[in-house]
Amino acid sequence: MNRSHDAWLVDLDGTLYEARPVKLCMLAELSLGGWSALATLRRFRVEHERLRQLTEPLGDPYRIQLERTAQALALAPEQVEGRVREWMIERPGKWLRRFRRAALLDEIDRFRKAGGRLALVSDYPARRKLAALGCADWFEVIVANGEEGGPRWLKPDPGGFLSAAGRLGITPERCLVLGDRPDADGEAARRAGMAFRHVV
């Protein structure tokens, strides 16, 4: 098959599904029974964006994010992790399927079936969300923060994309990054020497 890229390296959150309606649905759920978790989730996201600004190796960004959130709110890291897992990883599953980007997922599936190589690169845990979207077995490689083999830095550091390309055995110039954030996915792709497609 004649194509300009041998591999697509795909972001998850906001790329494979529409983030805004999912967030609104989760906000409605939080209002019905999760207000005690709201401050934790907000702080967790704040710490996530702060970690994006760092350039030194973090080791395990997800663990650091949990620890910083716990310290800021005087909570146990296990308590923070439980709330994050429930409200950001498990509960959204039912909404992800409803608000999946069907056309994009069909395109990715066609690329895969035509012999294209796929990797998933995410700054958050990914496997449960991929299962909810119905595409967990599409990706040969998953590089997800908070999961085994995850990145040591957050995007826009290129490490996650370079790791995925290396594990696929594809050179960076033959990789296309698909993502919803030019400041994170796009900049990481640029630093990695990869093409970028902005998903909106």
N, C-alpha and C. Protein backbone atom coordinates (compact mmCIF):
# COMPACT_ATOMS: atom_id res chain seq x y z
N MET A 1 0.84 -1.20 0.00
CA MET A 1 0.00 0.00 0.00
C MET A 1 0.87 1.24 0.00
N ASN A 2 0.59 2.20 -0.82
CA ASN A 2 1.34 3.44 -0.89
C ASN A 2 0.75 4.45 0.09
N ARG A 3 1.52 4.80 1.10
CA ARG A 3 1.05 5.77 2.08
C ARG A 3 2.24 6.56 2.60
N SER A 4 1.97 7.75 3.11
CA SER A 4 3.05 8.62 3.55
C SER A 4 3.57 8.27 4.93
N HIS A 5 2.79 7.52 5.71
CA HIS A 5 3.21 7.14 7.05
C HIS A 5 2.94 5.66 7.29
N ASP A 6 3.88 5.02 7.96
CA ASP A 6 3.74 3.60 8.27
C ASP A 6 3.02 3.38 9.60
N ALA A 7 3.07 4.38 10.47
CA ALA A 7 2.46 4.22 11.80
C ALA A 7 1.72 5.49 12.19
N TRP A 8 0.60 5.29 12.85
CA TRP A 8 -0.13 6.40 13.48
C TRP A 8 -0.01 6.23 14.98
N LEU A 9 0.43 7.30 15.64
CA LEU A 9 0.57 7.33 17.09
C LEU A 9 -0.55 8.23 17.61
N VAL A 10 -1.47 7.65 18.34
CA VAL A 10 -2.75 8.29 18.62
C VAL A 10 -2.87 8.66 20.10
N ASP A 11 -3.28 9.89 20.35
CA ASP A 11 -3.66 10.33 21.69
C ASP A 11 -5.05 9.78 22.00
N LEU A 12 -5.42 9.76 23.27
CA LEU A 12 -6.71 9.19 23.66
C LEU A 12 -7.72 10.26 24.05
N ASP A 13 -7.51 10.90 25.18
CA ASP A 13 -8.51 11.81 25.74
C ASP A 13 -8.69 13.05 24.88
N GLY A 14 -9.92 13.26 24.42
CA GLY A 14 -10.23 14.39 23.56
C GLY A 14 -9.95 14.13 22.09
N THR A 15 -9.31 13.01 21.80
CA THR A 15 -9.00 12.65 20.41
C THR A 15 -9.92 11.54 19.93
N LEU A 16 -10.00 10.45 20.65
CA LEU A 16 -10.85 9.34 20.24
C LEU A 16 -12.30 9.54 20.66
N TYR A 17 -12.55 10.49 21.52
CA TYR A 17 -13.91 10.83 21.91
C TYR A 17 -13.99 12.33 22.13
N GLU A 18 -15.21 12.86 22.10
CA GLU A 18 -15.42 14.29 22.32
C GLU A 18 -15.40 14.57 23.81
N ALA A 19 -14.43 15.35 24.24
CA ALA A 19 -14.21 15.55 25.67
C ALA A 19 -15.31 16.37 26.35
N ARG A 20 -15.79 17.42 25.68
CA ARG A 20 -16.73 18.33 26.35
C ARG A 20 -18.02 17.64 26.82
N PRO A 21 -18.73 16.90 25.97
CA PRO A 21 -19.95 16.26 26.47
C PRO A 21 -19.68 15.22 27.55
N VAL A 22 -18.54 14.54 27.47
CA VAL A 22 -18.19 13.57 28.52
C VAL A 22 -17.99 14.31 29.85
N LYS A 23 -17.28 15.44 29.81
CA LYS A 23 -17.06 16.22 31.03
C LYS A 23 -18.38 16.72 31.61
N LEU A 24 -19.30 17.14 30.76
CA LEU A 24 -20.60 17.62 31.24
C LEU A 24 -21.39 16.49 31.89
N CYS A 25 -21.35 15.33 31.30
CA CYS A 25 -22.05 14.17 31.90
C CYS A 25 -21.43 13.80 33.24
N MET A 26 -20.11 13.85 33.31
CA MET A 26 -19.45 13.53 34.58
C MET A 26 -19.71 14.59 35.63
N LEU A 27 -19.82 15.84 35.21
CA LEU A 27 -20.16 16.90 36.16
C LEU A 27 -21.55 16.67 36.74
N ALA A 28 -22.48 16.23 35.90
CA ALA A 28 -23.83 15.91 36.37
C ALA A 28 -23.78 14.76 37.38
N GLU A 29 -22.99 13.76 37.11
CA GLU A 29 -22.85 12.64 38.06
C GLU A 29 -22.23 13.11 39.37
N LEU A 30 -21.22 13.95 39.27
CA LEU A 30 -20.57 14.47 40.48
C LEU A 30 -21.57 15.27 41.32
N SER A 31 -22.44 16.02 40.66
CA SER A 31 -23.42 16.82 41.39
C SER A 31 -24.43 15.95 42.13
N LEU A 32 -24.62 14.74 41.67
CA LEU A 32 -25.58 13.83 42.30
C LEU A 32 -24.98 12.99 43.42
N GLY A 33 -23.68 12.84 43.42
CA GLY A 33 -23.13 11.98 44.46
C GLY A 33 -21.63 12.00 44.59
N GLY A 34 -20.99 13.02 44.03
CA GLY A 34 -19.54 13.02 44.09
C GLY A 34 -18.90 14.34 44.44
N TRP A 35 -19.67 15.22 45.09
CA TRP A 35 -19.10 16.54 45.40
C TRP A 35 -17.85 16.44 46.24
N SER A 36 -17.76 15.43 47.09
CA SER A 36 -16.58 15.29 47.95
C SER A 36 -15.32 15.01 47.13
N ALA A 37 -15.49 14.50 45.90
CA ALA A 37 -14.33 14.19 45.05
C ALA A 37 -13.95 15.35 44.15
N LEU A 38 -14.83 16.35 44.01
CA LEU A 38 -14.62 17.40 43.02
C LEU A 38 -13.32 18.17 43.25
N ALA A 39 -13.05 18.57 44.49
CA ALA A 39 -11.83 19.32 44.77
C ALA A 39 -10.59 18.49 44.46
N THR A 40 -10.67 17.20 44.73
CA THR A 40 -9.54 16.32 44.44
C THR A 40 -9.28 16.26 42.94
N LEU A 41 -10.33 16.10 42.16
CA LEU A 41 -10.18 15.99 40.71
C LEU A 41 -9.65 17.29 40.11
N ARG A 42 -10.15 18.41 40.61
CA ARG A 42 -9.68 19.70 40.10
C ARG A 42 -8.20 19.89 40.40
N ARG A 43 -7.80 19.57 41.62
CA ARG A 43 -6.39 19.72 41.99
C ARG A 43 -5.51 18.76 41.20
N PHE A 44 -6.01 17.57 40.96
CA PHE A 44 -5.27 16.58 40.19
C PHE A 44 -4.97 17.11 38.78
N ARG A 45 -5.96 17.76 38.17
CA ARG A 45 -5.75 18.33 36.84
C ARG A 45 -4.77 19.51 36.89
N VAL A 46 -4.85 20.32 37.94
CA VAL A 46 -3.91 21.43 38.10
C VAL A 46 -2.48 20.90 38.17
N GLU A 47 -2.27 19.87 38.98
CA GLU A 47 -0.93 19.29 39.11
C GLU A 47 -0.47 18.68 37.79
N HIS A 48 -1.40 18.14 37.04
CA HIS A 48 -1.06 17.57 35.73
C HIS A 48 -0.48 18.65 34.81
N GLU A 49 -1.15 19.79 34.74
CA GLU A 49 -0.68 20.86 33.87
C GLU A 49 0.63 21.45 34.38
N ARG A 50 0.83 21.46 35.70
CA ARG A 50 2.11 21.94 36.23
C ARG A 50 3.25 21.01 35.85
N LEU A 51 2.99 19.72 35.90
CA LEU A 51 4.03 18.76 35.54
C LEU A 51 4.40 18.87 34.06
N ARG A 52 3.45 19.28 33.23
CA ARG A 52 3.75 19.47 31.80
C ARG A 52 4.89 20.46 31.57
N GLN A 53 5.03 21.41 32.49
CA GLN A 53 6.02 22.47 32.31
C GLN A 53 7.43 22.02 32.66
N LEU A 54 7.55 20.88 33.34
CA LEU A 54 8.87 20.40 33.77
C LEU A 54 9.60 19.74 32.61
N THR A 55 10.91 19.85 32.62
CA THR A 55 11.71 19.26 31.54
C THR A 55 12.61 18.13 32.04
N GLU A 56 12.79 18.00 33.35
CA GLU A 56 13.65 16.94 33.86
C GLU A 56 12.86 15.63 33.97
N PRO A 57 13.56 14.49 33.91
CA PRO A 57 12.86 13.20 34.02
C PRO A 57 12.09 13.11 35.33
N LEU A 58 10.89 12.58 35.28
CA LEU A 58 10.05 12.46 36.45
C LEU A 58 10.05 11.04 37.02
N GLY A 59 10.33 10.07 36.20
CA GLY A 59 10.27 8.68 36.64
C GLY A 59 8.87 8.12 36.48
N ASP A 60 7.94 8.58 37.30
CA ASP A 60 6.55 8.14 37.23
C ASP A 60 5.66 9.36 37.42
N PRO A 61 5.34 10.07 36.33
CA PRO A 61 4.55 11.31 36.45
C PRO A 61 3.22 11.11 37.14
N TYR A 62 2.58 9.99 36.89
CA TYR A 62 1.26 9.74 37.49
C TYR A 62 1.37 9.67 39.01
N ARG A 63 2.37 8.95 39.50
CA ARG A 63 2.56 8.83 40.95
C ARG A 63 2.88 10.19 41.56
N ILE A 64 3.70 10.98 40.88
CA ILE A 64 4.05 12.31 41.38
C ILE A 64 2.81 13.20 41.42
N GLN A 65 1.98 13.10 40.40
CA GLN A 65 0.74 13.88 40.35
C GLN A 65 -0.17 13.52 41.52
N LEU A 66 -0.30 12.23 41.79
CA LEU A 66 -1.11 11.78 42.93
C LEU A 66 -0.54 12.32 44.25
N GLU A 67 0.77 12.22 44.41
CA GLU A 67 1.40 12.65 45.66
C GLU A 67 1.28 14.15 45.87
N ARG A 68 1.46 14.92 44.82
CA ARG A 68 1.33 16.38 44.94
C ARG A 68 -0.10 16.78 45.27
N THR A 69 -1.06 16.11 44.66
CA THR A 69 -2.46 16.39 44.96
C THR A 69 -2.77 16.06 46.41
N ALA A 70 -2.30 14.90 46.85
CA ALA A 70 -2.54 14.48 48.24
C ALA A 70 -1.92 15.47 49.22
N GLN A 71 -0.71 15.91 48.93
CA GLN A 71 -0.04 16.86 49.82
C GLN A 71 -0.78 18.19 49.88
N ALA A 72 -1.23 18.68 48.73
CA ALA A 72 -1.92 19.97 48.68
C ALA A 72 -3.24 19.94 49.44
N LEU A 73 -3.92 18.78 49.45
CA LEU A 73 -5.24 18.67 50.07
C LEU A 73 -5.22 17.95 51.41
N ALA A 74 -4.02 17.61 51.89
CA ALA A 74 -3.86 16.89 53.16
C ALA A 74 -4.65 15.58 53.16
N LEU A 75 -4.49 14.82 52.08
CA LEU A 75 -5.14 13.53 51.94
C LEU A 75 -4.07 12.45 51.78
N ALA A 76 -4.45 11.20 51.98
CA ALA A 76 -3.55 10.09 51.70
C ALA A 76 -3.49 9.88 50.19
N PRO A 77 -2.32 9.58 49.64
CA PRO A 77 -2.23 9.32 48.20
C PRO A 77 -3.20 8.24 47.73
N GLU A 78 -3.44 7.23 48.58
CA GLU A 78 -4.37 6.16 48.22
C GLU A 78 -5.79 6.68 48.07
N GLN A 79 -6.14 7.67 48.88
CA GLN A 79 -7.48 8.25 48.80
C GLN A 79 -7.63 9.04 47.49
N VAL A 80 -6.60 9.79 47.14
CA VAL A 80 -6.61 10.53 45.88
C VAL A 80 -6.70 9.56 44.71
N GLU A 81 -5.90 8.50 44.75
CA GLU A 81 -5.89 7.53 43.66
C GLU A 81 -7.25 6.86 43.50
N GLY A 82 -7.91 6.56 44.60
CA GLY A 82 -9.23 5.95 44.55
C GLY A 82 -10.25 6.86 43.88
N ARG A 83 -10.22 8.13 44.22
CA ARG A 83 -11.15 9.08 43.61
C ARG A 83 -10.86 9.28 42.13
N VAL A 84 -9.60 9.39 41.80
CA VAL A 84 -9.22 9.55 40.38
C VAL A 84 -9.63 8.33 39.58
N ARG A 85 -9.36 7.15 40.12
CA ARG A 85 -9.71 5.91 39.40
C ARG A 85 -11.22 5.82 39.19
N GLU A 86 -11.99 6.14 40.23
CA GLU A 86 -13.45 6.04 40.11
C GLU A 86 -14.02 7.06 39.13
N TRP A 87 -13.61 8.33 39.29
CA TRP A 87 -14.28 9.41 38.57
C TRP A 87 -13.64 9.80 37.25
N MET A 88 -12.39 9.41 37.03
CA MET A 88 -11.72 9.78 35.79
C MET A 88 -11.42 8.59 34.89
N ILE A 89 -11.47 7.39 35.43
CA ILE A 89 -11.11 6.21 34.64
C ILE A 89 -12.28 5.24 34.51
N GLU A 90 -12.95 4.92 35.62
CA GLU A 90 -14.00 3.91 35.58
C GLU A 90 -15.37 4.48 35.17
N ARG A 91 -15.86 5.45 35.90
CA ARG A 91 -17.21 5.97 35.63
C ARG A 91 -17.39 6.58 34.24
N PRO A 92 -16.39 7.25 33.68
CA PRO A 92 -16.62 7.84 32.34
C PRO A 92 -16.82 6.81 31.23
N GLY A 93 -16.51 5.55 31.47
CA GLY A 93 -16.55 4.54 30.42
C GLY A 93 -17.85 4.51 29.64
N LYS A 94 -18.95 4.58 30.34
CA LYS A 94 -20.26 4.49 29.65
C LYS A 94 -20.50 5.68 28.74
N TRP A 95 -19.90 6.83 29.07
CA TRP A 95 -20.09 8.02 28.24
C TRP A 95 -19.11 8.04 27.07
N LEU A 96 -17.95 7.45 27.21
CA LEU A 96 -16.97 7.45 26.13
C LEU A 96 -17.55 6.79 24.88
N ARG A 97 -18.22 5.67 25.08
CA ARG A 97 -18.79 4.96 23.94
C ARG A 97 -19.83 5.82 23.22
N ARG A 98 -20.62 6.55 23.99
CA ARG A 98 -21.67 7.37 23.40
C ARG A 98 -21.11 8.54 22.60
N PHE A 99 -19.98 9.10 23.07
CA PHE A 99 -19.42 10.29 22.44
C PHE A 99 -18.11 10.00 21.71
N ARG A 100 -17.94 8.75 21.28
CA ARG A 100 -16.74 8.39 20.51
C ARG A 100 -16.76 9.11 19.17
N ARG A 101 -15.60 9.40 18.64
CA ARG A 101 -15.49 10.02 17.32
C ARG A 101 -15.56 8.89 16.29
N ALA A 102 -16.77 8.56 15.89
CA ALA A 102 -16.99 7.37 15.06
C ALA A 102 -16.25 7.45 13.73
N ALA A 103 -16.28 8.60 13.07
CA ALA A 103 -15.63 8.72 11.77
C ALA A 103 -14.12 8.53 11.89
N LEU A 104 -13.54 9.13 12.91
CA LEU A 104 -12.09 8.98 13.12
C LEU A 104 -11.74 7.54 13.47
N LEU A 105 -12.52 6.92 14.33
CA LEU A 105 -12.26 5.53 14.70
C LEU A 105 -12.40 4.62 13.48
N ASP A 106 -13.35 4.88 12.61
CA ASP A 106 -13.47 4.10 11.38
C ASP A 106 -12.23 4.28 10.50
N GLU A 107 -11.73 5.50 10.43
CA GLU A 107 -10.54 5.77 9.62
C GLU A 107 -9.31 5.05 10.19
N ILE A 108 -9.19 5.08 11.52
CA ILE A 108 -8.07 4.39 12.17
C ILE A 108 -8.17 2.88 11.92
N ASP A 109 -9.38 2.37 12.01
CA ASP A 109 -9.58 0.94 11.78
C ASP A 109 -9.22 0.56 10.34
N ARG A 110 -9.59 1.38 9.38
CA ARG A 110 -9.23 1.11 7.98
C ARG A 110 -7.72 1.13 7.78
N PHE A 111 -7.06 2.09 8.40
CA PHE A 111 -5.60 2.18 8.32
C PHE A 111 -4.97 0.91 8.89
N ARG A 112 -5.48 0.46 10.02
CA ARG A 112 -4.97 -0.75 10.66
C ARG A 112 -5.19 -1.97 9.77
N LYS A 113 -6.37 -2.11 9.22
CA LYS A 113 -6.69 -3.27 8.39
C LYS A 113 -5.92 -3.27 7.07
N ALA A 114 -5.46 -2.10 6.65
CA ALA A 114 -4.67 -2.01 5.42
C ALA A 114 -3.18 -2.24 5.69
N GLY A 115 -2.84 -2.57 6.92
CA GLY A 115 -1.45 -2.87 7.25
C GLY A 115 -0.73 -1.78 8.01
N GLY A 116 -1.41 -0.68 8.33
CA GLY A 116 -0.79 0.39 9.11
C GLY A 116 -0.55 -0.05 10.55
N ARG A 117 0.47 0.50 11.15
CA ARG A 117 0.81 0.17 12.54
C ARG A 117 0.24 1.24 13.46
N LEU A 118 -0.24 0.81 14.62
CA LEU A 118 -0.88 1.73 15.56
C LEU A 118 -0.25 1.65 16.94
N ALA A 119 -0.09 2.82 17.55
CA ALA A 119 0.30 2.91 18.96
C ALA A 119 -0.57 3.97 19.62
N LEU A 120 -0.81 3.81 20.89
CA LEU A 120 -1.59 4.76 21.69
C LEU A 120 -0.62 5.40 22.68
N VAL A 121 -0.60 6.73 22.72
CA VAL A 121 0.27 7.45 23.64
C VAL A 121 -0.58 8.42 24.44
N SER A 122 -0.67 8.20 25.75
CA SER A 122 -1.58 8.98 26.59
C SER A 122 -0.91 9.45 27.86
N ASP A 123 -1.27 10.64 28.29
CA ASP A 123 -0.78 11.17 29.57
C ASP A 123 -1.63 10.70 30.75
N TYR A 124 -2.62 9.85 30.49
CA TYR A 124 -3.46 9.27 31.55
C TYR A 124 -3.57 7.76 31.32
N PRO A 125 -3.97 7.00 32.32
CA PRO A 125 -4.22 5.57 32.10
C PRO A 125 -5.20 5.36 30.95
N ALA A 126 -4.95 4.33 30.13
CA ALA A 126 -5.67 4.23 28.87
C ALA A 126 -6.46 2.95 28.66
N ARG A 127 -6.04 1.84 29.21
CA ARG A 127 -6.59 0.56 28.80
C ARG A 127 -8.09 0.41 29.07
N ARG A 128 -8.56 0.87 30.20
CA ARG A 128 -10.00 0.77 30.50
C ARG A 128 -10.81 1.64 29.55
N LYS A 129 -10.29 2.80 29.21
CA LYS A 129 -11.00 3.69 28.30
C LYS A 129 -11.03 3.10 26.89
N LEU A 130 -9.93 2.50 26.46
CA LEU A 130 -9.91 1.86 25.15
C LEU A 130 -10.92 0.73 25.09
N ALA A 131 -11.04 -0.02 26.18
CA ALA A 131 -12.03 -1.10 26.21
C ALA A 131 -13.44 -0.53 26.10
N ALA A 132 -13.70 0.58 26.79
CA ALA A 132 -15.02 1.21 26.72
C ALA A 132 -15.32 1.70 25.31
N LEU A 133 -14.30 2.14 24.59
CA LEU A 133 -14.47 2.63 23.23
C LEU A 133 -14.57 1.50 22.21
N GLY A 134 -14.24 0.28 22.63
CA GLY A 134 -14.33 -0.87 21.75
C GLY A 134 -13.15 -1.05 20.83
N CYS A 135 -12.00 -0.48 21.19
CA CYS A 135 -10.83 -0.59 20.31
C CYS A 135 -9.57 -0.99 21.06
N ALA A 136 -9.72 -1.70 22.15
CA ALA A 136 -8.59 -2.05 23.00
C ALA A 136 -7.56 -2.91 22.28
N ASP A 137 -8.00 -3.73 21.33
CA ASP A 137 -7.08 -4.64 20.67
C ASP A 137 -6.52 -4.09 19.36
N TRP A 138 -6.76 -2.83 19.06
CA TRP A 138 -6.26 -2.25 17.82
C TRP A 138 -4.80 -1.86 17.91
N PHE A 139 -4.33 -1.53 19.10
CA PHE A 139 -3.03 -0.89 19.26
C PHE A 139 -1.96 -1.91 19.66
N GLU A 140 -0.92 -1.98 18.84
CA GLU A 140 0.17 -2.90 19.12
C GLU A 140 0.96 -2.46 20.35
N VAL A 141 1.05 -1.17 20.54
CA VAL A 141 1.83 -0.59 21.63
C VAL A 141 0.96 0.44 22.34
N ILE A 142 1.00 0.41 23.68
CA ILE A 142 0.32 1.42 24.49
C ILE A 142 1.35 2.02 25.45
N VAL A 143 1.56 3.32 25.34
CA VAL A 143 2.45 4.06 26.24
C VAL A 143 1.56 5.03 27.00
N ALA A 144 1.18 4.66 28.22
CA ALA A 144 0.19 5.43 28.98
C ALA A 144 0.71 5.76 30.37
N ASN A 145 0.63 7.01 30.73
CA ASN A 145 1.01 7.46 32.07
C ASN A 145 0.14 6.74 33.11
N GLY A 146 0.77 6.21 34.13
CA GLY A 146 0.03 5.49 35.17
C GLY A 146 -0.09 4.01 34.89
N GLU A 147 0.48 3.54 33.78
CA GLU A 147 0.46 2.12 33.45
C GLU A 147 1.89 1.65 33.18
N GLU A 148 2.10 0.35 33.26
CA GLU A 148 3.42 -0.21 33.04
C GLU A 148 3.95 0.19 31.66
N GLY A 149 5.21 0.61 31.63
CA GLY A 149 5.81 1.05 30.38
C GLY A 149 5.44 2.46 29.98
N GLY A 150 4.85 3.21 30.90
CA GLY A 150 4.43 4.57 30.60
C GLY A 150 5.59 5.53 30.46
N PRO A 151 5.32 6.75 30.02
CA PRO A 151 6.38 7.74 29.78
C PRO A 151 6.97 8.26 31.08
N ARG A 152 8.20 8.75 31.01
CA ARG A 152 8.86 9.36 32.17
C ARG A 152 8.58 10.85 32.24
N TRP A 153 8.05 11.42 31.18
CA TRP A 153 7.67 12.83 31.12
C TRP A 153 6.29 12.93 30.50
N LEU A 154 5.65 14.05 30.71
CA LEU A 154 4.37 14.31 30.06
C LEU A 154 4.60 15.10 28.77
N LYS A 155 3.66 15.01 27.85
CA LYS A 155 3.71 15.85 26.66
C LYS A 155 3.69 17.32 27.11
N PRO A 156 4.41 18.20 26.46
CA PRO A 156 4.96 18.10 25.10
C PRO A 156 6.33 17.44 24.99
N ASP A 157 6.83 16.81 26.06
CA ASP A 157 8.05 16.04 25.89
C ASP A 157 7.79 14.94 24.86
N PRO A 158 8.73 14.68 23.96
CA PRO A 158 8.50 13.69 22.90
C PRO A 158 8.74 12.25 23.32
N GLY A 159 9.15 12.03 24.58
CA GLY A 159 9.56 10.70 24.99
C GLY A 159 8.53 9.61 24.77
N GLY A 160 7.26 9.88 25.04
CA GLY A 160 6.23 8.87 24.86
C GLY A 160 6.08 8.46 23.41
N PHE A 161 6.10 9.44 22.50
CA PHE A 161 5.98 9.13 21.08
C PHE A 161 7.21 8.42 20.54
N LEU A 162 8.38 8.84 21.00
CA LEU A 162 9.61 8.18 20.55
C LEU A 162 9.68 6.74 21.06
N SER A 163 9.22 6.54 22.30
CA SER A 163 9.18 5.18 22.84
C SER A 163 8.23 4.30 22.02
N ALA A 164 7.06 4.83 21.69
CA ALA A 164 6.09 4.06 20.91
C ALA A 164 6.65 3.71 19.54
N ALA A 165 7.27 4.69 18.87
CA ALA A 165 7.85 4.43 17.55
C ALA A 165 8.94 3.38 17.63
N GLY A 166 9.78 3.48 18.65
CA GLY A 166 10.85 2.52 18.82
C GLY A 166 10.34 1.11 19.04
N ARG A 167 9.29 1.00 19.85
CA ARG A 167 8.71 -0.32 20.11
C ARG A 167 8.01 -0.90 18.89
N LEU A 168 7.52 -0.02 18.01
CA LEU A 168 6.94 -0.48 16.75
C LEU A 168 8.01 -0.81 15.71
N GLY A 169 9.21 -0.27 15.92
CA GLY A 169 10.28 -0.44 14.93
C GLY A 169 10.11 0.46 13.73
N ILE A 170 9.49 1.65 13.93
CA ILE A 170 9.24 2.61 12.85
C ILE A 170 10.03 3.89 13.14
N THR A 171 10.70 4.43 12.14
CA THR A 171 11.45 5.67 12.34
C THR A 171 10.49 6.85 12.50
N PRO A 172 10.91 7.88 13.26
CA PRO A 172 10.00 9.01 13.53
C PRO A 172 9.41 9.66 12.29
N GLU A 173 10.19 9.80 11.22
CA GLU A 173 9.67 10.49 10.04
C GLU A 173 8.59 9.70 9.32
N ARG A 174 8.43 8.44 9.67
CA ARG A 174 7.37 7.61 9.08
C ARG A 174 6.16 7.51 9.99
N CYS A 175 6.13 8.34 11.05
CA CYS A 175 5.03 8.32 12.01
C CYS A 175 4.17 9.58 11.91
N LEU A 176 2.88 9.40 12.07
CA LEU A 176 1.93 10.51 12.13
C LEU A 176 1.28 10.50 13.51
N VAL A 177 1.33 11.64 14.20
CA VAL A 177 0.70 11.78 15.50
C VAL A 177 -0.69 12.37 15.31
N LEU A 178 -1.71 11.76 15.92
CA LEU A 178 -3.07 12.28 15.92
C LEU A 178 -3.40 12.72 17.33
N GLY A 179 -3.76 14.00 17.49
CA GLY A 179 -4.07 14.49 18.82
C GLY A 179 -4.92 15.73 18.78
N ASP A 180 -5.52 16.06 19.94
CA ASP A 180 -6.44 17.20 20.00
C ASP A 180 -5.78 18.46 20.55
N ARG A 181 -4.54 18.36 21.03
CA ARG A 181 -3.89 19.54 21.63
C ARG A 181 -2.59 19.88 20.90
N PRO A 182 -2.60 20.93 20.10
CA PRO A 182 -1.36 21.34 19.43
C PRO A 182 -0.24 21.68 20.42
N ASP A 183 -0.61 22.21 21.60
CA ASP A 183 0.41 22.60 22.57
C ASP A 183 1.05 21.41 23.27
N ALA A 184 0.39 20.26 23.24
CA ALA A 184 0.92 19.06 23.89
C ALA A 184 1.27 18.00 22.85
N ASP A 185 0.26 17.43 22.19
CA ASP A 185 0.50 16.41 21.17
C ASP A 185 1.29 16.98 19.99
N GLY A 186 0.89 18.14 19.52
CA GLY A 186 1.54 18.74 18.35
C GLY A 186 2.99 19.11 18.62
N GLU A 187 3.23 19.73 19.76
CA GLU A 187 4.60 20.13 20.10
C GLU A 187 5.48 18.90 20.35
N ALA A 188 4.91 17.88 21.00
CA ALA A 188 5.68 16.64 21.21
C ALA A 188 6.03 16.00 19.87
N ALA A 189 5.09 16.00 18.94
CA ALA A 189 5.36 15.45 17.61
C ALA A 189 6.48 16.23 16.92
N ARG A 190 6.41 17.55 17.00
CA ARG A 190 7.45 18.38 16.37
C ARG A 190 8.82 18.05 16.93
N ARG A 191 8.91 17.96 18.27
CA ARG A 191 10.19 17.65 18.91
C ARG A 191 10.69 16.25 18.56
N ALA A 192 9.75 15.35 18.27
CA ALA A 192 10.12 13.97 17.93
C ALA A 192 10.46 13.82 16.45
N GLY A 193 10.23 14.86 15.65
CA GLY A 193 10.47 14.77 14.22
C GLY A 193 9.38 14.01 13.49
N MET A 194 8.15 14.12 14.01
CA MET A 194 7.00 13.41 13.44
C MET A 194 5.98 14.41 12.89
N ALA A 195 5.18 13.96 11.94
CA ALA A 195 4.08 14.78 11.44
C ALA A 195 2.96 14.79 12.47
N PHE A 196 2.12 15.83 12.39
CA PHE A 196 1.02 15.98 13.35
C PHE A 196 -0.26 16.29 12.62
N ARG A 197 -1.33 15.65 13.05
CA ARG A 197 -2.68 15.93 12.55
C ARG A 197 -3.53 16.37 13.73
N HIS A 198 -4.05 17.56 13.66
CA HIS A 198 -4.88 18.11 14.74
C HIS A 198 -6.31 17.60 14.61
N VAL A 199 -6.78 16.92 15.62
CA VAL A 199 -8.14 16.38 15.65
C VAL A 199 -9.03 17.37 16.37
N VAL A 200 -10.06 17.86 15.70
CA VAL A 200 -10.97 18.84 16.32
C VAL A 200 -12.41 18.34 16.20
